[in-house]
Amino acid sequence: MSIPETLRKYFSQHSRVFKRRTSLLLACSGGPDSVALVYGLKEIEPTLTFRIHLGHVNHGLRKKESEKDAKFVRSLAKKMDWPVHLEKIKIRTKDAGNLEEKARLKRYEILTQMAKKHKCGAILTGHNRDDQVETILMNLSRGSGGQGLRGMLPLREMAHRLFLARPLLNISKKEIARYLGEKRASYRVDKTNDNQHFLRNWFRRTLIPLWESRCFHLVDGIMDVGQILQEEEKVWNQLTKSFVKKVSTPYRTGHVLDSQKMLRYPLAIQRRVLREMAGSDLLTFKTIERLRGWMISPPANGRIFQLRRGWIVERLSKSKGAPSSHHYWFYRKDSKRTEKENTR
């Protein structure tokens, strides 16, 4: 299926979301994937009910090349007759291993701000089939469960009424290159994508080709796993929310979990409940197991369990209104501070 046909099908499948949007923000790096998305959308533009904006975040990591990327995106937007929004930021880190992740998080933060400012109901990205396979395998190497092995979702809500859309997840890089050749479209090349110091690049350049040389249907098999788990996770998510309601109650700026009630359920449900309580992106398998172990340990083993991104689990005492020491308060550090400020 061609890229324009894929886009038509995508917007038709998700018409419930897109028919209510008047503008979308396309995250454009200037690379082949996002440029193919630009040209594909331009082809079907007469049938769209929304306007496309281009958004570009310049991390400044490649100095002059980064400036050329921004200039290219501005020129591309002018050619398409679309509004463009450019933002320049600085990523300061000496830890090269975290460089990609820090840049990604900051990029989405800025894109979210852009989308809200210009009243765009969704952010579109050019993530493709190859990216999906890499993501699933990288998550497998980290010991992810179903939520990680399902890969990137084609559509998900990032914030209230703001969606992240990935319409090209079933399109391969080869198909993208062929389409760009047919359109005679120019694009920017990021030479750091060849640097195998970054783990994703090593998966892309070394591991996957080696694996494919013996398992010819590797990519199809991994994509099938992702599709299976995406549907299964929908069911699990609904079930988990119902279990959370049974074992927890709202408390101040967070929720209180009754560990005795939780421990009556099978281990798989216990882990799902903890992920739901603290945010699925905050907990690795090992962290979940440490948290479970701490919760069933004697109170003498400490009152606070620190998670990532300001999340806290606090063992409540009877003096704080808890009926027993089996109650645990899940909250964010900044939300507790806000609560104190509001009560002054």
C-alpha atoms as a PDB file:
ATOM      1  CA  MET A   1       0.000   0.000   0.000  1.00  0.00           C
ATOM      2  CA  SER A   2       1.400   3.426  -0.947  1.00  0.00           C
ATOM      3  CA  ILE A   3       2.075   6.123   1.642  1.00  0.00           C
ATOM      4  CA  PRO A   4      -0.882   8.329   0.562  1.00  0.00           C
ATOM      5  CA  GLU A   5      -3.205   5.293   0.652  1.00  0.00           C
ATOM      6  CA  THR A   6      -1.840   4.322   4.068  1.00  0.00           C
ATOM      7  CA  LEU A   7      -2.564   7.826   5.360  1.00  0.00           C
ATOM      8  CA  ARG A   8      -6.114   7.817   3.986  1.00  0.00           C
ATOM      9  CA  LYS A   9      -6.769   4.463   5.662  1.00  0.00           C
ATOM     10  CA  TYR A  10      -5.231   5.646   8.940  1.00  0.00           C
ATOM     11  CA  PHE A  11      -7.359   8.781   9.208  1.00  0.00           C
ATOM     12  CA  SER A  12     -10.456   6.806   8.229  1.00  0.00           C
ATOM     13  CA  GLN A  13      -9.793   4.178  10.930  1.00  0.00           C
ATOM     14  CA  HIS A  14      -9.339   6.903  13.544  1.00  0.00           C
ATOM     15  CA  SER A  15     -11.976   9.287  12.245  1.00  0.00           C
ATOM     16  CA  ARG A  16     -13.512   9.518  15.721  1.00  0.00           C
ATOM     17  CA  VAL A  17     -10.406  11.433  16.839  1.00  0.00           C
ATOM     18  CA  PHE A  18      -9.442  13.374  13.727  1.00  0.00           C
ATOM     19  CA  LYS A  19     -12.838  14.578  12.528  1.00  0.00           C
ATOM     20  CA  ARG A  20     -12.950  16.815  15.613  1.00  0.00           C
ATOM     21  CA  ARG A  21      -9.534  18.365  15.002  1.00  0.00           C
ATOM     22  CA  THR A  22      -9.030  21.551  12.965  1.00  0.00           C
ATOM     23  CA  SER A  23      -5.217  21.522  13.064  1.00  0.00           C
ATOM     24  CA  LEU A  24      -2.459  18.920  13.490  1.00  0.00           C
ATOM     25  CA  LEU A  25       1.232  19.442  14.239  1.00  0.00           C
ATOM     26  CA  LEU A  26       3.630  17.347  12.154  1.00  0.00           C
ATOM     27  CA  ALA A  27       6.957  16.859  13.965  1.00  0.00           C
ATOM     28  CA  CYS A  28       9.485  17.349  11.178  1.00  0.00           C
ATOM     29  CA  SER A  29      13.195  16.751  11.724  1.00  0.00           C
ATOM     30  CA  GLY A  30      13.955  17.149   8.017  1.00  0.00           C
ATOM     31  CA  GLY A  31      14.944  13.469   7.781  1.00  0.00           C
ATOM     32  CA  PRO A  32      13.453  11.020   5.257  1.00  0.00           C
ATOM     33  CA  ASP A  33      10.700   9.652   7.504  1.00  0.00           C
ATOM     34  CA  SER A  34       9.098  12.970   8.438  1.00  0.00           C
ATOM     35  CA  VAL A  35       9.638  14.365   4.932  1.00  0.00           C
ATOM     36  CA  ALA A  36       7.820  11.353   3.438  1.00  0.00           C
ATOM     37  CA  LEU A  37       4.978  12.070   5.843  1.00  0.00           C
ATOM     38  CA  VAL A  38       4.927  15.692   4.665  1.00  0.00           C
ATOM     39  CA  TYR A  39       4.687  14.719   0.979  1.00  0.00           C
ATOM     40  CA  GLY A  40       2.113  12.008   1.689  1.00  0.00           C
ATOM     41  CA  LEU A  41      -0.127  14.439   3.554  1.00  0.00           C
ATOM     42  CA  LYS A  42       0.288  17.026   0.832  1.00  0.00           C
ATOM     43  CA  GLU A  43      -0.979  14.494  -1.725  1.00  0.00           C
ATOM     44  CA  ILE A  44      -4.177  13.853   0.214  1.00  0.00           C
ATOM     45  CA  GLU A  45      -4.562  17.411   1.552  1.00  0.00           C
ATOM     46  CA  PRO A  46      -7.726  18.162  -0.501  1.00  0.00           C
ATOM     47  CA  THR A  47      -9.527  15.358   1.373  1.00  0.00           C
ATOM     48  CA  LEU A  48      -8.406  16.425   4.860  1.00  0.00           C
ATOM     49  CA  THR A  49     -10.669  18.271   7.272  1.00  0.00           C
ATOM     50  CA  PHE A  50      -7.778  19.780   9.242  1.00  0.00           C
ATOM     51  CA  ARG A  51      -4.790  22.040   8.581  1.00  0.00           C
ATOM     52  CA  ILE A  52      -1.202  20.828   8.898  1.00  0.00           C
ATOM     53  CA  HIS A  53       1.427  22.763  10.868  1.00  0.00           C
ATOM     54  CA  LEU A  54       5.108  21.804  10.823  1.00  0.00           C
ATOM     55  CA  GLY A  55       6.999  21.767  14.113  1.00  0.00           C
ATOM     56  CA  HIS A  56      10.789  21.493  14.398  1.00  0.00           C
ATOM     57  CA  VAL A  57      12.938  21.314  17.526  1.00  0.00           C
ATOM     58  CA  ASN A  58      16.610  22.219  17.074  1.00  0.00           C
ATOM     59  CA  HIS A  59      18.632  20.505  19.819  1.00  0.00           C
ATOM     60  CA  GLY A  60      21.863  22.120  18.621  1.00  0.00           C
ATOM     61  CA  LEU A  61      23.674  18.800  19.082  1.00  0.00           C
ATOM     62  CA  ARG A  62      25.111  18.849  15.547  1.00  0.00           C
ATOM     63  CA  LYS A  63      25.958  22.555  15.522  1.00  0.00           C
ATOM     64  CA  LYS A  64      25.959  23.861  11.932  1.00  0.00           C
ATOM     65  CA  GLU A  65      24.159  20.770  10.649  1.00  0.00           C
ATOM     66  CA  SER A  66      21.349  21.379  13.157  1.00  0.00           C
ATOM     67  CA  GLU A  67      20.979  24.930  11.841  1.00  0.00           C
ATOM     68  CA  LYS A  68      20.768  23.574   8.295  1.00  0.00           C
ATOM     69  CA  ASP A  69      18.038  21.144   9.418  1.00  0.00           C
ATOM     70  CA  ALA A  70      15.961  24.035  10.769  1.00  0.00           C
ATOM     71  CA  LYS A  71      16.489  26.056   7.601  1.00  0.00           C
ATOM     72  CA  PHE A  72      15.436  23.063   5.482  1.00  0.00           C
ATOM     73  CA  VAL A  73      12.209  22.561   7.467  1.00  0.00           C
ATOM     74  CA  ARG A  74      11.355  26.251   7.144  1.00  0.00           C
ATOM     75  CA  SER A  75      11.873  26.034   3.386  1.00  0.00           C
ATOM     76  CA  LEU A  76       9.809  22.831   3.171  1.00  0.00           C
ATOM     77  CA  ALA A  77       6.919  24.446   5.030  1.00  0.00           C
ATOM     78  CA  LYS A  78       7.004  27.395   2.632  1.00  0.00           C
ATOM     79  CA  LYS A  79       6.918  25.007  -0.327  1.00  0.00           C
ATOM     80  CA  MET A  80       3.878  23.208   1.140  1.00  0.00           C
ATOM     81  CA  ASP A  81       2.248  26.513   2.123  1.00  0.00           C
ATOM     82  CA  TRP A  82       1.907  25.353   5.716  1.00  0.00           C
ATOM     83  CA  PRO A  83       2.631  27.282   8.934  1.00  0.00           C
ATOM     84  CA  VAL A  84       5.903  26.330  10.628  1.00  0.00           C
ATOM     85  CA  HIS A  85       7.046  26.619  14.239  1.00  0.00           C
ATOM     86  CA  LEU A  86      10.740  26.373  15.118  1.00  0.00           C
ATOM     87  CA  GLU A  87      12.237  26.100  18.582  1.00  0.00           C
ATOM     88  CA  LYS A  88      15.901  25.976  19.570  1.00  0.00           C
ATOM     89  CA  ILE A  89      16.960  24.328  22.817  1.00  0.00           C
ATOM     90  CA  LYS A  90      20.149  23.159  24.531  1.00  0.00           C
ATOM     91  CA  ILE A  91      20.731  19.665  25.839  1.00  0.00           C
ATOM     92  CA  ARG A  92      23.471  19.669  28.434  1.00  0.00           C
ATOM     93  CA  THR A  93      24.779  16.264  29.382  1.00  0.00           C
ATOM     94  CA  LYS A  94      28.094  14.502  29.700  1.00  0.00           C
ATOM     95  CA  ASP A  95      26.397  11.134  29.831  1.00  0.00           C
ATOM     96  CA  ALA A  96      26.330  10.101  26.148  1.00  0.00           C
ATOM     97  CA  GLY A  97      24.351   6.992  27.023  1.00  0.00           C
ATOM     98  CA  ASN A  98      21.388   9.155  28.053  1.00  0.00           C
ATOM     99  CA  LEU A  99      21.781  11.763  25.332  1.00  0.00           C
ATOM    100  CA  GLU A 100      19.160  10.333  22.974  1.00  0.00           C
ATOM    101  CA  GLU A 101      16.599   9.846  25.732  1.00  0.00           C
ATOM    102  CA  LYS A 102      17.081  13.340  27.173  1.00  0.00           C
ATOM    103  CA  ALA A 103      16.785  14.876  23.704  1.00  0.00           C
ATOM    104  CA  ARG A 104      13.634  12.825  22.992  1.00  0.00           C
ATOM    105  CA  LEU A 105      11.919  13.848  26.240  1.00  0.00           C
ATOM    106  CA  LYS A 106      12.752  17.519  25.727  1.00  0.00           C
ATOM    107  CA  ARG A 107      11.618  17.359  22.095  1.00  0.00           C
ATOM    108  CA  TYR A 108       8.197  15.991  23.056  1.00  0.00           C
ATOM    109  CA  GLU A 109       7.897  18.582  25.803  1.00  0.00           C
ATOM    110  CA  ILE A 110       8.478  21.395  23.298  1.00  0.00           C
ATOM    111  CA  LEU A 111       6.223  19.822  20.650  1.00  0.00           C
ATOM    112  CA  THR A 112       3.451  19.515  23.229  1.00  0.00           C
ATOM    113  CA  GLN A 113       3.817  23.212  24.058  1.00  0.00           C
ATOM    114  CA  MET A 114       3.726  24.063  20.342  1.00  0.00           C
ATOM    115  CA  ALA A 115       0.615  21.985  19.761  1.00  0.00           C
ATOM    116  CA  LYS A 116      -1.251  23.576  22.657  1.00  0.00           C
ATOM    117  CA  LYS A 117      -0.180  27.099  21.693  1.00  0.00           C
ATOM    118  CA  HIS A 118      -1.396  26.701  18.111  1.00  0.00           C
ATOM    119  CA  LYS A 119      -4.471  24.655  19.055  1.00  0.00           C
ATOM    120  CA  CYS A 120      -3.358  21.480  17.285  1.00  0.00           C
ATOM    121  CA  GLY A 121      -5.257  18.404  18.438  1.00  0.00           C
ATOM    122  CA  ALA A 122      -2.529  15.866  17.617  1.00  0.00           C
ATOM    123  CA  ILE A 123       1.187  15.544  17.006  1.00  0.00           C
ATOM    124  CA  LEU A 124       2.121  13.441  13.961  1.00  0.00           C
ATOM    125  CA  THR A 125       5.466  11.635  13.751  1.00  0.00           C
ATOM    126  CA  GLY A 126       7.161   9.668  10.981  1.00  0.00           C
ATOM    127  CA  HIS A 127       7.938   6.549  13.025  1.00  0.00           C
ATOM    128  CA  ASN A 128       7.941   3.552  10.711  1.00  0.00           C
ATOM    129  CA  ARG A 129       7.999  -0.243  10.661  1.00  0.00           C
ATOM    130  CA  ASP A 130      11.770  -0.446  11.163  1.00  0.00           C
ATOM    131  CA  ASP A 131      11.556   1.899  14.169  1.00  0.00           C
ATOM    132  CA  GLN A 132       8.829  -0.301  15.641  1.00  0.00           C
ATOM    133  CA  VAL A 133      10.934  -3.467  15.356  1.00  0.00           C
ATOM    134  CA  GLU A 134      13.925  -1.717  16.951  1.00  0.00           C
ATOM    135  CA  THR A 135      11.760  -0.435  19.807  1.00  0.00           C
ATOM    136  CA  ILE A 136      10.291  -3.864  20.570  1.00  0.00           C
ATOM    137  CA  LEU A 137      13.707  -5.550  20.549  1.00  0.00           C
ATOM    138  CA  MET A 138      15.244  -2.833  22.728  1.00  0.00           C
ATOM    139  CA  ASN A 139      12.384  -3.181  25.206  1.00  0.00           C
ATOM    140  CA  LEU A 140      12.895  -6.959  25.182  1.00  0.00           C
ATOM    141  CA  SER A 141      16.568  -6.450  26.055  1.00  0.00           C
ATOM    142  CA  ARG A 142      15.498  -4.339  29.065  1.00  0.00           C
ATOM    143  CA  GLY A 143      13.190  -7.058  30.373  1.00  0.00           C
ATOM    144  CA  SER A 144       9.926  -5.335  29.452  1.00  0.00           C
ATOM    145  CA  GLY A 145       6.541  -6.990  29.832  1.00  0.00           C
ATOM    146  CA  GLY A 146       3.562  -6.726  27.516  1.00  0.00           C
ATOM    147  CA  GLN A 147       3.430  -2.933  27.611  1.00  0.00           C
ATOM    148  CA  GLY A 148       6.968  -2.686  26.238  1.00  0.00           C
ATOM    149  CA  LEU A 149       6.766  -5.587  23.807  1.00  0.00           C
ATOM    150  CA  ARG A 150       3.659  -4.182  22.134  1.00  0.00           C
ATOM    151  CA  GLY A 151       5.874  -1.390  20.791  1.00  0.00           C
ATOM    152  CA  MET A 152       4.705   2.091  19.868  1.00  0.00           C
ATOM    153  CA  LEU A 153       0.980   2.630  19.607  1.00  0.00           C
ATOM    154  CA  PRO A 154      -0.382   4.052  16.336  1.00  0.00           C
ATOM    155  CA  LEU A 155      -2.471   6.513  18.359  1.00  0.00           C
ATOM    156  CA  ARG A 156      -2.476   7.450  22.018  1.00  0.00           C
ATOM    157  CA  GLU A 157      -3.565  10.360  24.170  1.00  0.00           C
ATOM    158  CA  MET A 158      -0.524  12.308  25.443  1.00  0.00           C
ATOM    159  CA  ALA A 159      -2.444  14.870  27.469  1.00  0.00           C
ATOM    160  CA  HIS A 160      -6.028  16.012  27.782  1.00  0.00           C
ATOM    161  CA  ARG A 161      -7.416  16.102  24.211  1.00  0.00           C
ATOM    162  CA  LEU A 162      -3.920  15.995  22.690  1.00  0.00           C
ATOM    163  CA  PHE A 163      -2.987  12.834  20.773  1.00  0.00           C
ATOM    164  CA  LEU A 164       0.266  11.385  19.492  1.00  0.00           C
ATOM    165  CA  ALA A 165      -0.283   9.857  16.027  1.00  0.00           C
ATOM    166  CA  ARG A 166       2.091   7.523  14.174  1.00  0.00           C
ATOM    167  CA  PRO A 167       0.444   6.766  10.807  1.00  0.00           C
ATOM    168  CA  LEU A 168       3.493   5.152   9.153  1.00  0.00           C
ATOM    169  CA  LEU A 169       4.153   2.272  11.575  1.00  0.00           C
ATOM    170  CA  ASN A 170       3.376  -0.301   8.856  1.00  0.00           C
ATOM    171  CA  ILE A 171       5.613   1.364   6.252  1.00  0.00           C
ATOM    172  CA  SER A 172       9.251   0.228   5.951  1.00  0.00           C
ATOM    173  CA  LYS A 173      12.270   2.465   5.449  1.00  0.00           C
ATOM    174  CA  LYS A 174      12.712   0.921   1.994  1.00  0.00           C
ATOM    175  CA  GLU A 175       9.178   1.960   1.045  1.00  0.00           C
ATOM    176  CA  ILE A 176       9.872   5.456   2.356  1.00  0.00           C
ATOM    177  CA  ALA A 177      13.079   5.716   0.314  1.00  0.00           C
ATOM    178  CA  ARG A 178      11.246   4.523  -2.806  1.00  0.00           C
ATOM    179  CA  TYR A 179       8.450   7.051  -2.303  1.00  0.00           C
ATOM    180  CA  LEU A 180      10.878   9.929  -1.808  1.00  0.00           C
ATOM    181  CA  GLY A 181      12.692   8.861  -4.975  1.00  0.00           C
ATOM    182  CA  GLU A 182       9.426   8.898  -6.930  1.00  0.00           C
ATOM    183  CA  LYS A 183       8.650  12.388  -5.593  1.00  0.00           C
ATOM    184  CA  ARG A 184      12.231  13.513  -6.215  1.00  0.00           C
ATOM    185  CA  ALA A 185      12.118  14.930  -2.729  1.00  0.00           C
ATOM    186  CA  SER A 186      15.231  16.104  -0.924  1.00  0.00           C
ATOM    187  CA  TYR A 187      15.761  15.547   2.799  1.00  0.00           C
ATOM    188  CA  ARG A 188      18.389  15.926   5.470  1.00  0.00           C
ATOM    189  CA  VAL A 189      20.744  13.114   6.532  1.00  0.00           C
ATOM    190  CA  ASP A 190      21.748  12.841  10.194  1.00  0.00           C
ATOM    191  CA  LYS A 191      25.198  11.241  10.212  1.00  0.00           C
ATOM    192  CA  THR A 192      24.915  10.429  13.921  1.00  0.00           C
ATOM    193  CA  ASN A 193      22.444   7.698  12.898  1.00  0.00           C
ATOM    194  CA  ASP A 194      25.507   5.713  11.813  1.00  0.00           C
ATOM    195  CA  ASN A 195      27.179   6.053  15.215  1.00  0.00           C
ATOM    196  CA  GLN A 196      26.784   2.641  16.854  1.00  0.00           C
ATOM    197  CA  HIS A 197      27.791   4.049  20.216  1.00  0.00           C
ATOM    198  CA  PHE A 198      24.053   4.719  20.519  1.00  0.00           C
ATOM    199  CA  LEU A 199      22.235   1.488  21.303  1.00  0.00           C
ATOM    200  CA  ARG A 200      19.392   1.947  18.806  1.00  0.00           C
ATOM    201  CA  ASN A 201      21.894   2.437  15.987  1.00  0.00           C
ATOM    202  CA  TRP A 202      23.697  -0.772  16.971  1.00  0.00           C
ATOM    203  CA  PHE A 203      20.389  -2.665  16.871  1.00  0.00           C
ATOM    204  CA  ARG A 204      19.653  -1.123  13.462  1.00  0.00           C
ATOM    205  CA  ARG A 205      23.064  -1.534  11.854  1.00  0.00           C
ATOM    206  CA  THR A 206      24.411  -4.724  13.412  1.00  0.00           C
ATOM    207  CA  LEU A 207      22.015  -6.894  15.427  1.00  0.00           C
ATOM    208  CA  ILE A 208      18.883  -6.899  13.250  1.00  0.00           C
ATOM    209  CA  PRO A 209      20.683  -7.494   9.902  1.00  0.00           C
ATOM    210  CA  LEU A 210      22.669 -10.357  11.487  1.00  0.00           C
ATOM    211  CA  TRP A 211      19.509 -11.885  12.941  1.00  0.00           C
ATOM    212  CA  GLU A 212      17.623 -11.467   9.661  1.00  0.00           C
ATOM    213  CA  SER A 213      20.376 -13.316   7.782  1.00  0.00           C
ATOM    214  CA  ARG A 214      19.267 -16.480   9.611  1.00  0.00           C
ATOM    215  CA  CYS A 215      15.589 -15.681  10.295  1.00  0.00           C
ATOM    216  CA  PHE A 216      14.178 -14.293   7.069  1.00  0.00           C
ATOM    217  CA  HIS A 217      10.771 -13.503   8.556  1.00  0.00           C
ATOM    218  CA  LEU A 218      12.147 -11.837  11.686  1.00  0.00           C
ATOM    219  CA  VAL A 219      10.554  -8.426  11.095  1.00  0.00           C
ATOM    220  CA  ASP A 220       7.144  -9.903  10.243  1.00  0.00           C
ATOM    221  CA  GLY A 221       7.271 -12.072  13.363  1.00  0.00           C
ATOM    222  CA  ILE A 222       8.178  -9.168  15.645  1.00  0.00           C
ATOM    223  CA  MET A 223       5.449  -6.984  14.134  1.00  0.00           C
ATOM    224  CA  ASP A 224       2.954  -9.818  14.722  1.00  0.00           C
ATOM    225  CA  VAL A 225       3.981  -9.991  18.390  1.00  0.00           C
ATOM    226  CA  GLY A 226       3.456  -6.246  18.699  1.00  0.00           C
ATOM    227  CA  GLN A 227      -0.011  -6.459  17.140  1.00  0.00           C
ATOM    228  CA  ILE A 228      -1.044  -9.360  19.395  1.00  0.00           C
ATOM    229  CA  LEU A 229       0.122  -7.594  22.556  1.00  0.00           C
ATOM    230  CA  GLN A 230      -1.453  -4.256  21.609  1.00  0.00           C
ATOM    231  CA  GLU A 231      -4.870  -5.911  21.606  1.00  0.00           C
ATOM    232  CA  GLU A 232      -4.182  -7.957  24.741  1.00  0.00           C
ATOM    233  CA  GLU A 233      -2.945  -4.873  26.600  1.00  0.00           C
ATOM    234  CA  LYS A 234      -6.241  -3.106  25.888  1.00  0.00           C
ATOM    235  CA  VAL A 235      -8.024  -5.876  27.816  1.00  0.00           C
ATOM    236  CA  TRP A 236      -5.438  -5.895  30.597  1.00  0.00           C
ATOM    237  CA  ASN A 237      -5.660  -2.104  30.984  1.00  0.00           C
ATOM    238  CA  GLN A 238      -9.407  -2.268  31.521  1.00  0.00           C
ATOM    239  CA  LEU A 239      -9.045  -5.090  34.052  1.00  0.00           C
ATOM    240  CA  THR A 240      -6.211  -3.349  35.890  1.00  0.00           C
ATOM    241  CA  LYS A 241      -8.216  -0.145  36.353  1.00  0.00           C
ATOM    242  CA  SER A 242     -11.007  -2.183  37.942  1.00  0.00           C
ATOM    243  CA  PHE A 243      -8.533  -3.893  40.307  1.00  0.00           C
ATOM    244  CA  VAL A 244      -6.995  -0.537  41.290  1.00  0.00           C
ATOM    245  CA  LYS A 245     -10.431   0.745  42.314  1.00  0.00           C
ATOM    246  CA  LYS A 246     -10.891  -2.314  44.526  1.00  0.00           C
ATOM    247  CA  VAL A 247      -7.589  -1.914  46.409  1.00  0.00           C
ATOM    248  CA  SER A 248      -7.073   1.854  46.564  1.00  0.00           C
ATOM    249  CA  THR A 249      -8.852   5.109  47.383  1.00  0.00           C
ATOM    250  CA  PRO A 250      -8.144   8.781  46.518  1.00  0.00           C
ATOM    251  CA  TYR A 251      -6.152  10.534  49.257  1.00  0.00           C
ATOM    252  CA  ARG A 252      -5.114  14.197  49.147  1.00  0.00           C
ATOM    253  CA  THR A 253      -3.130  14.639  45.918  1.00  0.00           C
ATOM    254  CA  GLY A 254      -2.640  10.930  45.259  1.00  0.00           C
ATOM    255  CA  HIS A 255      -4.050   7.515  46.136  1.00  0.00           C
ATOM    256  CA  VAL A 256      -3.726   5.152  49.090  1.00  0.00           C
ATOM    257  CA  LEU A 257      -3.192   1.475  48.383  1.00  0.00           C
ATOM    258  CA  ASP A 258      -4.284  -1.253  50.813  1.00  0.00           C
ATOM    259  CA  SER A 259      -1.516  -3.822  50.368  1.00  0.00           C
ATOM    260  CA  GLN A 260      -3.440  -6.551  52.217  1.00  0.00           C
ATOM    261  CA  LYS A 261      -6.236  -6.360  49.651  1.00  0.00           C
ATOM    262  CA  MET A 262      -3.741  -6.278  46.775  1.00  0.00           C
ATOM    263  CA  LEU A 263      -1.865  -9.342  48.027  1.00  0.00           C
ATOM    264  CA  ARG A 264      -5.036 -11.442  47.767  1.00  0.00           C
ATOM    265  CA  TYR A 265      -4.753 -11.270  43.979  1.00  0.00           C
ATOM    266  CA  PRO A 266      -2.356 -13.265  41.760  1.00  0.00           C
ATOM    267  CA  LEU A 267       1.158 -11.916  41.339  1.00  0.00           C
ATOM    268  CA  ALA A 268       0.538 -10.752  37.749  1.00  0.00           C
ATOM    269  CA  ILE A 269      -2.321  -8.533  38.948  1.00  0.00           C
ATOM    270  CA  GLN A 270      -0.235  -7.153  41.843  1.00  0.00           C
ATOM    271  CA  ARG A 271       2.446  -6.018  39.395  1.00  0.00           C
ATOM    272  CA  ARG A 272      -0.139  -4.450  37.080  1.00  0.00           C
ATOM    273  CA  VAL A 273      -1.717  -2.568  39.976  1.00  0.00           C
ATOM    274  CA  LEU A 274       1.630  -1.100  41.057  1.00  0.00           C
ATOM    275  CA  ARG A 275       2.406  -0.012  37.498  1.00  0.00           C
ATOM    276  CA  GLU A 276      -0.982   1.648  37.218  1.00  0.00           C
ATOM    277  CA  MET A 277      -0.567   3.415  40.567  1.00  0.00           C
ATOM    278  CA  ALA A 278       2.845   4.908  39.822  1.00  0.00           C
ATOM    279  CA  GLY A 279       2.820   5.204  36.031  1.00  0.00           C
ATOM    280  CA  SER A 280       3.900   2.425  33.691  1.00  0.00           C
ATOM    281  CA  ASP A 281       6.950   4.363  32.452  1.00  0.00           C
ATOM    282  CA  LEU A 282       8.323   4.743  35.972  1.00  0.00           C
ATOM    283  CA  LEU A 283       8.758   1.119  36.986  1.00  0.00           C
ATOM    284  CA  THR A 284      11.087  -1.572  35.726  1.00  0.00           C
ATOM    285  CA  PHE A 285      10.460  -5.184  36.673  1.00  0.00           C
ATOM    286  CA  LYS A 286      13.210  -5.036  39.314  1.00  0.00           C
ATOM    287  CA  THR A 287      11.792  -1.824  40.794  1.00  0.00           C
ATOM    288  CA  ILE A 288       8.339  -3.373  41.033  1.00  0.00           C
ATOM    289  CA  GLU A 289       9.757  -6.393  42.860  1.00  0.00           C
ATOM    290  CA  ARG A 290      11.740  -4.179  45.252  1.00  0.00           C
ATOM    291  CA  LEU A 291       8.625  -2.115  45.906  1.00  0.00           C
ATOM    292  CA  ARG A 292       6.528  -5.247  46.570  1.00  0.00           C
ATOM    293  CA  GLY A 293       9.199  -6.588  48.905  1.00  0.00           C
ATOM    294  CA  TRP A 294       9.377  -3.302  50.808  1.00  0.00           C
ATOM    295  CA  MET A 295       5.588  -3.144  51.173  1.00  0.00           C
ATOM    296  CA  ILE A 296       5.400  -6.563  52.844  1.00  0.00           C
ATOM    297  CA  SER A 297       8.458  -5.908  55.038  1.00  0.00           C
ATOM    298  CA  PRO A 298       8.267  -4.707  58.675  1.00  0.00           C
ATOM    299  CA  PRO A 299       7.617  -0.957  59.157  1.00  0.00           C
ATOM    300  CA  ALA A 300      11.116  -0.677  60.587  1.00  0.00           C
ATOM    301  CA  ASN A 301      12.456  -0.982  57.013  1.00  0.00           C
ATOM    302  CA  GLY A 302      11.621   2.639  56.321  1.00  0.00           C
ATOM    303  CA  ARG A 303       8.684   4.935  55.689  1.00  0.00           C
ATOM    304  CA  ILE A 304       9.550   6.230  52.170  1.00  0.00           C
ATOM    305  CA  PHE A 305      10.176   4.450  48.861  1.00  0.00           C
ATOM    306  CA  GLN A 306      11.542   6.833  46.219  1.00  0.00           C
ATOM    307  CA  LEU A 307      10.609   6.306  42.552  1.00  0.00           C
ATOM    308  CA  ARG A 308      11.617   8.250  39.436  1.00  0.00           C
ATOM    309  CA  ARG A 309      10.404  11.705  38.359  1.00  0.00           C
ATOM    310  CA  GLY A 310       9.381  12.836  41.814  1.00  0.00           C
ATOM    311  CA  TRP A 311       7.083   9.902  42.625  1.00  0.00           C
ATOM    312  CA  ILE A 312       6.973   8.815  46.275  1.00  0.00           C
ATOM    313  CA  VAL A 313       5.402   5.836  48.042  1.00  0.00           C
ATOM    314  CA  GLU A 314       4.898   6.574  51.743  1.00  0.00           C
ATOM    315  CA  ARG A 315       4.004   4.002  54.388  1.00  0.00           C
ATOM    316  CA  LEU A 316       1.172   5.543  56.372  1.00  0.00           C
ATOM    317  CA  SER A 317       0.789   5.262  60.127  1.00  0.00           C
ATOM    318  CA  LYS A 318      -2.365   5.409  62.205  1.00  0.00           C
ATOM    319  CA  SER A 319      -1.442   8.952  63.211  1.00  0.00           C
ATOM    320  CA  LYS A 320      -2.008   9.996  59.580  1.00  0.00           C
ATOM    321  CA  GLY A 321      -5.462   8.517  59.431  1.00  0.00           C
ATOM    322  CA  ALA A 322      -4.566   5.095  58.062  1.00  0.00           C
ATOM    323  CA  PRO A 323      -6.312   2.144  59.734  1.00  0.00           C
ATOM    324  CA  SER A 324      -3.067   0.128  59.674  1.00  0.00           C
ATOM    325  CA  SER A 325       0.544   0.137  58.446  1.00  0.00           C
ATOM    326  CA  HIS A 326      -0.569  -1.814  55.375  1.00  0.00           C
ATOM    327  CA  HIS A 327      -1.642   1.414  53.653  1.00  0.00           C
ATOM    328  CA  TYR A 328       0.655   3.180  51.206  1.00  0.00           C
ATOM    329  CA  TRP A 329       0.286   6.680  49.809  1.00  0.00           C
ATOM    330  CA  PHE A 330       1.348   7.140  46.157  1.00  0.00           C
ATOM    331  CA  TYR A 331       1.980  10.784  45.237  1.00  0.00           C
ATOM    332  CA  ARG A 332       4.332  13.128  43.388  1.00  0.00           C
ATOM    333  CA  LYS A 333       6.669  15.269  45.459  1.00  0.00           C
ATOM    334  CA  ASP A 334       5.639  18.475  43.639  1.00  0.00           C
ATOM    335  CA  SER A 335       1.918  17.694  44.113  1.00  0.00           C
ATOM    336  CA  LYS A 336       2.393  17.401  47.885  1.00  0.00           C
ATOM    337  CA  ARG A 337       4.145  20.784  47.931  1.00  0.00           C
ATOM    338  CA  THR A 338       1.273  22.309  45.938  1.00  0.00           C
ATOM    339  CA  GLU A 339      -1.194  20.881  48.440  1.00  0.00           C
ATOM    340  CA  LYS A 340       0.648  22.597  51.322  1.00  0.00           C
ATOM    341  CA  GLU A 341       0.701  25.895  49.453  1.00  0.00           C
ATOM    342  CA  ASN A 342      -3.043  25.661  48.823  1.00  0.00           C
ATOM    343  CA  THR A 343      -3.785  25.122  52.518  1.00  0.00           C
ATOM    344  CA  ARG A 344      -1.837  28.147  53.746  1.00  0.00           C
END
